[in-house]
N, C-alpha and C. Protein backbone atom coordinates (compact mmCIF):
# COMPACT_ATOMS: atom_id res chain seq x y z
N MET A 1 85.70 29.17 156.70
CA MET A 1 84.45 29.85 156.96
C MET A 1 83.76 30.16 155.62
N LYS A 2 82.50 29.85 155.53
CA LYS A 2 81.75 30.08 154.30
C LYS A 2 81.64 31.57 153.99
N ASN A 3 81.66 31.89 152.69
CA ASN A 3 81.50 33.28 152.29
C ASN A 3 80.06 33.49 151.83
N LEU A 4 79.18 33.71 152.79
CA LEU A 4 77.77 33.91 152.49
C LEU A 4 77.52 35.28 151.86
N LYS A 5 78.42 36.24 152.12
CA LYS A 5 78.28 37.57 151.51
C LYS A 5 78.44 37.48 150.00
N LEU A 6 79.40 36.68 149.56
CA LEU A 6 79.63 36.49 148.13
C LEU A 6 78.41 35.82 147.50
N LYS A 7 77.94 34.76 148.12
CA LYS A 7 76.79 34.04 147.59
C LYS A 7 75.55 34.94 147.53
N SER A 8 75.34 35.73 148.57
CA SER A 8 74.20 36.64 148.63
C SER A 8 74.29 37.72 147.55
N ALA A 9 75.45 38.33 147.40
CA ALA A 9 75.63 39.39 146.39
C ALA A 9 75.41 38.84 144.99
N ARG A 10 75.86 37.63 144.76
CA ARG A 10 75.69 36.99 143.46
C ARG A 10 74.21 36.69 143.22
N ALA A 11 73.52 36.21 144.25
CA ALA A 11 72.10 35.88 144.14
C ALA A 11 71.25 37.12 143.89
N ILE A 12 71.59 38.23 144.54
CA ILE A 12 70.85 39.48 144.36
C ILE A 12 70.89 39.91 142.90
N LEU A 13 72.01 39.68 142.24
CA LEU A 13 72.15 40.03 140.82
C LEU A 13 71.62 38.92 139.90
N ASP A 14 71.07 37.87 140.50
CA ASP A 14 70.57 36.72 139.74
C ASP A 14 71.67 36.16 138.83
N MET A 15 72.87 36.06 139.41
CA MET A 15 74.04 35.59 138.67
C MET A 15 74.43 34.20 139.17
N SER A 16 74.62 33.29 138.25
CA SER A 16 75.02 31.93 138.64
C SER A 16 76.52 31.90 138.94
N GLN A 17 76.95 30.83 139.59
CA GLN A 17 78.39 30.66 139.82
C GLN A 17 79.11 30.64 138.48
N GLU A 18 78.52 29.99 137.50
CA GLU A 18 79.11 29.89 136.16
C GLU A 18 79.29 31.28 135.53
N GLN A 19 78.26 32.13 135.65
CA GLN A 19 78.34 33.47 135.08
C GLN A 19 79.40 34.32 135.76
N LEU A 20 79.47 34.24 137.09
CA LEU A 20 80.49 34.99 137.81
C LEU A 20 81.88 34.48 137.45
N ALA A 21 82.02 33.18 137.39
CA ALA A 21 83.32 32.58 137.04
C ALA A 21 83.78 33.06 135.66
N GLU A 22 82.86 33.08 134.72
CA GLU A 22 83.19 33.52 133.37
C GLU A 22 83.61 34.99 133.37
N ALA A 23 82.92 35.80 134.17
CA ALA A 23 83.21 37.23 134.23
C ALA A 23 84.59 37.52 134.80
N VAL A 24 85.08 36.66 135.69
CA VAL A 24 86.39 36.91 136.32
C VAL A 24 87.50 35.98 135.85
N GLY A 25 87.17 35.07 134.94
CA GLY A 25 88.21 34.23 134.33
C GLY A 25 88.65 33.04 135.15
N VAL A 26 87.72 32.45 135.91
CA VAL A 26 88.03 31.22 136.66
C VAL A 26 86.95 30.19 136.37
N THR A 27 87.06 29.02 136.97
CA THR A 27 86.05 27.98 136.76
C THR A 27 84.91 28.13 137.78
N ARG A 28 83.78 27.54 137.45
CA ARG A 28 82.64 27.55 138.37
C ARG A 28 83.04 26.89 139.68
N GLN A 29 83.87 25.86 139.60
CA GLN A 29 84.30 25.16 140.81
C GLN A 29 85.07 26.08 141.74
N THR A 30 85.85 26.99 141.17
CA THR A 30 86.61 27.94 141.99
C THR A 30 85.66 28.83 142.77
N ILE A 31 84.64 29.36 142.11
CA ILE A 31 83.65 30.20 142.79
C ILE A 31 82.96 29.40 143.89
N GLY A 32 82.58 28.17 143.58
CA GLY A 32 81.94 27.31 144.57
C GLY A 32 82.82 27.06 145.78
N MET A 33 84.10 26.86 145.54
CA MET A 33 85.04 26.61 146.65
C MET A 33 85.25 27.87 147.49
N ILE A 34 85.26 29.05 146.85
CA ILE A 34 85.39 30.30 147.61
C ILE A 34 84.16 30.47 148.50
N GLU A 35 82.97 30.24 147.93
CA GLU A 35 81.73 30.36 148.70
C GLU A 35 81.69 29.36 149.85
N ALA A 36 82.23 28.19 149.63
CA ALA A 36 82.23 27.14 150.66
C ALA A 36 83.34 27.34 151.70
N GLY A 37 84.22 28.31 151.46
CA GLY A 37 85.32 28.56 152.38
C GLY A 37 86.45 27.57 152.26
N LYS A 38 86.55 26.91 151.11
CA LYS A 38 87.58 25.90 150.90
C LYS A 38 88.73 26.39 150.03
N PHE A 39 88.64 27.64 149.59
CA PHE A 39 89.68 28.20 148.72
C PHE A 39 89.88 29.66 149.09
N ASN A 40 91.12 30.06 149.28
CA ASN A 40 91.45 31.44 149.63
C ASN A 40 91.93 32.14 148.36
N PRO A 41 91.08 32.98 147.76
CA PRO A 41 91.45 33.61 146.49
C PRO A 41 92.54 34.66 146.64
N SER A 42 93.26 34.89 145.56
CA SER A 42 94.28 35.95 145.55
C SER A 42 93.59 37.29 145.64
N LEU A 43 94.36 38.31 146.00
CA LEU A 43 93.80 39.66 146.07
C LEU A 43 93.29 40.08 144.70
N GLN A 44 94.02 39.73 143.66
CA GLN A 44 93.62 40.06 142.29
C GLN A 44 92.25 39.46 141.96
N LEU A 45 92.02 38.21 142.35
CA LEU A 45 90.74 37.57 142.10
C LEU A 45 89.65 38.20 142.96
N CYS A 46 89.96 38.53 144.20
CA CYS A 46 88.98 39.21 145.06
C CYS A 46 88.52 40.52 144.44
N VAL A 47 89.47 41.29 143.93
CA VAL A 47 89.14 42.57 143.30
C VAL A 47 88.26 42.35 142.07
N ALA A 48 88.61 41.36 141.26
CA ALA A 48 87.83 41.06 140.05
C ALA A 48 86.40 40.65 140.40
N ILE A 49 86.25 39.83 141.44
CA ILE A 49 84.93 39.40 141.89
C ILE A 49 84.12 40.61 142.36
N CYS A 50 84.74 41.47 143.14
CA CYS A 50 84.03 42.65 143.64
C CYS A 50 83.59 43.56 142.51
N LYS A 51 84.46 43.76 141.52
CA LYS A 51 84.09 44.60 140.37
C LYS A 51 82.91 43.99 139.63
N ALA A 52 82.94 42.67 139.44
CA ALA A 52 81.86 41.99 138.71
C ALA A 52 80.54 42.10 139.46
N LEU A 53 80.60 42.17 140.78
CA LEU A 53 79.38 42.22 141.60
C LEU A 53 78.99 43.65 141.99
N GLY A 54 79.85 44.63 141.65
CA GLY A 54 79.57 46.02 142.02
C GLY A 54 79.65 46.24 143.52
N LYS A 55 80.55 45.54 144.17
CA LYS A 55 80.73 45.64 145.62
C LYS A 55 82.17 45.99 145.94
N THR A 56 82.42 46.38 147.19
CA THR A 56 83.79 46.67 147.64
C THR A 56 84.39 45.40 148.27
N LEU A 57 85.69 45.42 148.45
CA LEU A 57 86.36 44.30 149.11
C LEU A 57 85.79 44.11 150.52
N ASP A 58 85.57 45.23 151.23
CA ASP A 58 85.03 45.15 152.58
C ASP A 58 83.67 44.48 152.60
N GLU A 59 82.82 44.79 151.62
CA GLU A 59 81.46 44.25 151.59
C GLU A 59 81.44 42.74 151.37
N ILE A 60 82.40 42.23 150.63
CA ILE A 60 82.39 40.80 150.29
C ILE A 60 83.36 39.97 151.12
N PHE A 61 84.55 40.48 151.35
CA PHE A 61 85.59 39.63 151.94
C PHE A 61 86.01 40.00 153.37
N TRP A 62 85.56 41.12 153.90
CA TRP A 62 85.96 41.51 155.24
C TRP A 62 85.03 40.87 156.26
N GLU A 63 85.62 40.23 157.25
CA GLU A 63 84.82 39.61 158.31
C GLU A 63 84.72 40.60 159.46
N GLY A 64 83.50 40.80 159.92
CA GLY A 64 83.40 41.73 161.02
C GLY A 64 81.99 41.88 161.51
């Protein structure tokens, strides 16, 4: 399932996949795969992404 919440939060901050990837220590391809729903990130990476975006885990990764 695509993670449109992640893509939206990143876009609101005018942050590219490359910039987010650099902020959390992964490749741009990893961010792209998470957004496309093709990669299930570790909890540690989820937390790092949320911190970089100023969001909570629920706001980005919780389906509901």
